[in-house]
Amino acid sequence: MAASKLRSVTATASYVALEDIPCSFVSILNKTGAALVIEVASDSGTDKEITLADGLSIGLTVISNAKELRIKSATGTTGVQIVTE
């Protein structure tokens, strides 16, 4: 596993996968100025999304890689920060 490191990622109006980073846990901080929507790439659907308000953070367990998660934001494109472990 790669060492923990703070990374900035970009959200778009359509879902985009997080970076290809081997890990078992992803912390996501939303500083986009808008809601950020998160989903598991292999299990999508409107009833399976997590909406993260601006300024909030969440920690999610993944099986083996950060790219298992996808994000989108209707208006904010920059300001998403992640830490992987």
N, C-alpha and C. Protein backbone atom coordinates (compact mmCIF):
# COMPACT_ATOMS: atom_id res chain seq x y z
N MET A 1 0.83 -1.18 0.00
CA MET A 1 0.00 0.00 0.00
C MET A 1 0.88 1.25 0.00
N ALA A 2 0.41 2.27 -0.69
CA ALA A 2 1.13 3.53 -0.74
C ALA A 2 0.99 4.26 0.59
N ALA A 3 1.96 5.09 0.90
CA ALA A 3 1.91 5.88 2.12
C ALA A 3 0.76 6.88 2.05
N SER A 4 0.18 7.22 3.20
CA SER A 4 -0.89 8.20 3.24
C SER A 4 -0.38 9.53 2.70
N LYS A 5 -1.21 10.17 1.88
CA LYS A 5 -0.82 11.43 1.27
C LYS A 5 -2.08 12.21 0.94
N LEU A 6 -2.08 13.50 1.21
CA LEU A 6 -3.20 14.37 0.87
C LEU A 6 -3.15 14.65 -0.63
N ARG A 7 -4.25 14.42 -1.32
CA ARG A 7 -4.32 14.67 -2.76
C ARG A 7 -5.55 15.51 -3.06
N SER A 8 -5.43 16.39 -4.04
CA SER A 8 -6.58 17.16 -4.53
C SER A 8 -7.10 16.47 -5.78
N VAL A 9 -8.40 16.34 -5.87
CA VAL A 9 -9.02 15.73 -7.06
C VAL A 9 -10.10 16.67 -7.58
N THR A 10 -10.47 16.49 -8.82
CA THR A 10 -11.47 17.33 -9.47
C THR A 10 -12.77 16.56 -9.66
N ALA A 11 -13.86 17.20 -9.30
CA ALA A 11 -15.19 16.62 -9.52
C ALA A 11 -15.81 17.31 -10.73
N THR A 12 -16.63 16.57 -11.47
CA THR A 12 -17.34 17.12 -12.62
C THR A 12 -18.83 16.86 -12.44
N ALA A 13 -19.63 17.29 -13.40
CA ALA A 13 -21.08 17.07 -13.33
C ALA A 13 -21.45 15.60 -13.55
N SER A 14 -20.54 14.83 -14.13
CA SER A 14 -20.73 13.38 -14.30
C SER A 14 -19.78 12.65 -13.36
N TYR A 15 -20.13 11.43 -13.01
CA TYR A 15 -19.27 10.67 -12.11
C TYR A 15 -17.88 10.47 -12.70
N VAL A 16 -16.88 10.61 -11.86
CA VAL A 16 -15.49 10.34 -12.22
C VAL A 16 -14.88 9.51 -11.09
N ALA A 17 -14.13 8.47 -11.46
CA ALA A 17 -13.50 7.61 -10.45
C ALA A 17 -12.35 8.35 -9.79
N LEU A 18 -12.12 8.04 -8.52
CA LEU A 18 -10.93 8.57 -7.86
C LEU A 18 -9.69 7.93 -8.49
N GLU A 19 -8.53 8.44 -8.13
CA GLU A 19 -7.27 7.95 -8.70
C GLU A 19 -7.06 6.47 -8.41
N ASP A 20 -6.24 5.86 -9.24
CA ASP A 20 -5.86 4.45 -9.09
C ASP A 20 -4.77 4.36 -8.02
N ILE A 21 -5.21 4.24 -6.75
CA ILE A 21 -4.29 4.22 -5.61
C ILE A 21 -4.62 3.00 -4.75
N PRO A 22 -3.73 2.04 -4.65
CA PRO A 22 -3.98 0.90 -3.76
C PRO A 22 -4.16 1.38 -2.32
N CYS A 23 -5.26 0.98 -1.68
CA CYS A 23 -5.53 1.38 -0.30
C CYS A 23 -6.70 0.56 0.22
N SER A 24 -6.99 0.73 1.51
CA SER A 24 -8.15 0.06 2.09
C SER A 24 -9.13 1.06 2.72
N PHE A 25 -8.74 2.35 2.77
CA PHE A 25 -9.57 3.37 3.39
C PHE A 25 -9.34 4.70 2.67
N VAL A 26 -10.43 5.43 2.40
CA VAL A 26 -10.35 6.72 1.73
C VAL A 26 -11.12 7.75 2.55
N SER A 27 -10.44 8.84 2.91
CA SER A 27 -11.09 9.98 3.56
C SER A 27 -11.31 11.04 2.49
N ILE A 28 -12.52 11.60 2.43
CA ILE A 28 -12.86 12.60 1.42
C ILE A 28 -13.34 13.86 2.13
N LEU A 29 -12.76 15.01 1.78
CA LEU A 29 -13.17 16.32 2.30
C LEU A 29 -13.74 17.12 1.15
N ASN A 30 -14.95 17.63 1.32
CA ASN A 30 -15.62 18.42 0.29
C ASN A 30 -15.46 19.90 0.59
N LYS A 31 -14.66 20.59 -0.22
CA LYS A 31 -14.50 22.04 -0.11
C LYS A 31 -14.81 22.69 -1.45
N THR A 32 -15.81 22.12 -2.18
CA THR A 32 -16.15 22.60 -3.52
C THR A 32 -17.06 23.83 -3.50
N GLY A 33 -17.75 24.06 -2.39
CA GLY A 33 -18.75 25.12 -2.35
C GLY A 33 -20.13 24.62 -2.72
N ALA A 34 -20.23 23.31 -2.98
CA ALA A 34 -21.50 22.68 -3.35
C ALA A 34 -21.53 21.27 -2.81
N ALA A 35 -22.65 20.61 -2.94
CA ALA A 35 -22.77 19.21 -2.50
C ALA A 35 -21.91 18.32 -3.40
N LEU A 36 -21.32 17.30 -2.80
CA LEU A 36 -20.54 16.31 -3.51
C LEU A 36 -21.26 14.98 -3.38
N VAL A 37 -21.44 14.27 -4.49
CA VAL A 37 -22.13 12.99 -4.47
C VAL A 37 -21.09 11.89 -4.67
N ILE A 38 -21.17 10.86 -3.84
CA ILE A 38 -20.21 9.75 -3.86
C ILE A 38 -20.97 8.45 -4.08
N GLU A 39 -20.40 7.56 -4.88
CA GLU A 39 -20.99 6.24 -5.05
C GLU A 39 -19.88 5.20 -5.22
N VAL A 40 -20.23 3.95 -4.94
CA VAL A 40 -19.32 2.83 -5.20
C VAL A 40 -19.50 2.47 -6.67
N ALA A 41 -18.41 2.44 -7.42
CA ALA A 41 -18.48 2.23 -8.86
C ALA A 41 -19.19 0.93 -9.24
N SER A 42 -18.99 -0.12 -8.46
CA SER A 42 -19.58 -1.42 -8.80
C SER A 42 -21.00 -1.60 -8.30
N ASP A 43 -21.54 -0.61 -7.60
CA ASP A 43 -22.88 -0.74 -7.01
C ASP A 43 -23.57 0.61 -7.05
N SER A 44 -23.89 1.09 -8.25
CA SER A 44 -24.43 2.43 -8.40
C SER A 44 -25.95 2.44 -8.42
N GLY A 45 -26.50 3.63 -8.35
CA GLY A 45 -27.94 3.83 -8.36
C GLY A 45 -28.29 5.01 -7.48
N THR A 46 -29.36 5.71 -7.79
CA THR A 46 -29.70 6.92 -7.04
C THR A 46 -29.97 6.64 -5.57
N ASP A 47 -30.43 5.44 -5.25
CA ASP A 47 -30.69 5.12 -3.85
C ASP A 47 -29.44 4.63 -3.13
N LYS A 48 -28.29 4.63 -3.82
CA LYS A 48 -27.04 4.14 -3.23
C LYS A 48 -25.96 5.21 -3.23
N GLU A 49 -26.37 6.46 -3.32
CA GLU A 49 -25.42 7.58 -3.31
C GLU A 49 -25.30 8.16 -1.91
N ILE A 50 -24.15 8.74 -1.64
CA ILE A 50 -23.95 9.51 -0.41
C ILE A 50 -23.76 10.96 -0.83
N THR A 51 -24.56 11.86 -0.28
CA THR A 51 -24.40 13.28 -0.58
C THR A 51 -23.68 13.94 0.59
N LEU A 52 -22.56 14.57 0.27
CA LEU A 52 -21.70 15.19 1.28
C LEU A 52 -21.77 16.70 1.10
N ALA A 53 -22.31 17.39 2.08
CA ALA A 53 -22.44 18.85 2.01
C ALA A 53 -21.06 19.51 2.02
N ASP A 54 -20.99 20.72 1.49
CA ASP A 54 -19.74 21.47 1.47
C ASP A 54 -19.21 21.64 2.89
N GLY A 55 -17.90 21.42 3.05
CA GLY A 55 -17.25 21.58 4.34
C GLY A 55 -17.21 20.32 5.18
N LEU A 56 -17.91 19.27 4.76
CA LEU A 56 -17.94 18.03 5.53
C LEU A 56 -16.97 17.00 4.95
N SER A 57 -16.66 16.00 5.76
CA SER A 57 -15.78 14.92 5.31
C SER A 57 -16.40 13.58 5.70
N ILE A 58 -15.88 12.53 5.06
CA ILE A 58 -16.34 11.18 5.32
C ILE A 58 -15.18 10.22 5.11
N GLY A 59 -15.16 9.12 5.85
CA GLY A 59 -14.18 8.07 5.65
C GLY A 59 -14.87 6.81 5.19
N LEU A 60 -14.36 6.20 4.13
CA LEU A 60 -14.99 5.02 3.55
C LEU A 60 -13.98 3.90 3.38
N THR A 61 -14.39 2.70 3.74
CA THR A 61 -13.56 1.51 3.53
C THR A 61 -13.77 1.02 2.10
N VAL A 62 -12.67 0.69 1.43
CA VAL A 62 -12.74 0.11 0.09
C VAL A 62 -12.05 -1.25 0.13
N ILE A 63 -12.27 -2.06 -0.89
CA ILE A 63 -11.67 -3.40 -0.91
C ILE A 63 -10.17 -3.32 -1.14
N SER A 64 -9.75 -2.59 -2.20
CA SER A 64 -8.31 -2.56 -2.48
C SER A 64 -7.82 -1.31 -3.19
N ASN A 65 -8.72 -0.38 -3.58
CA ASN A 65 -8.25 0.74 -4.38
C ASN A 65 -9.22 1.92 -4.29
N ALA A 66 -8.68 3.14 -4.30
CA ALA A 66 -9.51 4.35 -4.25
C ALA A 66 -10.43 4.47 -5.46
N LYS A 67 -10.02 3.90 -6.61
CA LYS A 67 -10.84 4.02 -7.82
C LYS A 67 -12.16 3.25 -7.72
N GLU A 68 -12.37 2.53 -6.63
CA GLU A 68 -13.66 1.88 -6.39
C GLU A 68 -14.75 2.90 -6.10
N LEU A 69 -14.36 4.14 -5.79
CA LEU A 69 -15.30 5.21 -5.48
C LEU A 69 -15.34 6.21 -6.63
N ARG A 70 -16.55 6.74 -6.90
CA ARG A 70 -16.71 7.77 -7.91
C ARG A 70 -17.39 8.97 -7.27
N ILE A 71 -17.06 10.17 -7.77
CA ILE A 71 -17.61 11.41 -7.23
C ILE A 71 -18.14 12.28 -8.35
N LYS A 72 -19.08 13.17 -7.98
CA LYS A 72 -19.54 14.21 -8.91
C LYS A 72 -20.07 15.39 -8.10
N SER A 73 -20.06 16.57 -8.73
CA SER A 73 -20.59 17.77 -8.11
C SER A 73 -21.18 18.64 -9.20
N ALA A 74 -22.39 19.11 -9.01
CA ALA A 74 -23.08 19.89 -10.04
C ALA A 74 -22.38 21.22 -10.33
N THR A 75 -21.82 21.86 -9.32
CA THR A 75 -21.23 23.18 -9.55
C THR A 75 -19.77 23.30 -9.16
N GLY A 76 -19.36 22.65 -8.09
CA GLY A 76 -17.98 22.80 -7.65
C GLY A 76 -17.08 21.77 -8.32
N THR A 77 -16.02 22.20 -8.97
CA THR A 77 -15.15 21.25 -9.65
C THR A 77 -13.83 21.04 -8.93
N THR A 78 -13.37 22.05 -8.22
CA THR A 78 -12.14 21.89 -7.45
C THR A 78 -12.49 21.97 -5.97
N GLY A 79 -11.57 21.53 -5.13
CA GLY A 79 -11.81 21.60 -3.70
C GLY A 79 -12.11 20.28 -3.04
N VAL A 80 -11.95 19.18 -3.78
CA VAL A 80 -12.11 17.86 -3.18
C VAL A 80 -10.72 17.36 -2.79
N GLN A 81 -10.57 16.99 -1.54
CA GLN A 81 -9.29 16.47 -1.06
C GLN A 81 -9.50 15.08 -0.51
N ILE A 82 -8.56 14.19 -0.80
CA ILE A 82 -8.65 12.82 -0.28
C ILE A 82 -7.34 12.43 0.40
N VAL A 83 -7.47 11.54 1.36
CA VAL A 83 -6.32 10.90 1.99
C VAL A 83 -6.60 9.40 1.92
N THR A 84 -5.63 8.63 1.44
CA THR A 84 -5.79 7.19 1.35
C THR A 84 -4.89 6.50 2.37
N GLU A 85 -5.34 5.38 2.86
CA GLU A 85 -4.55 4.59 3.82
C GLU A 85 -4.59 3.14 3.41
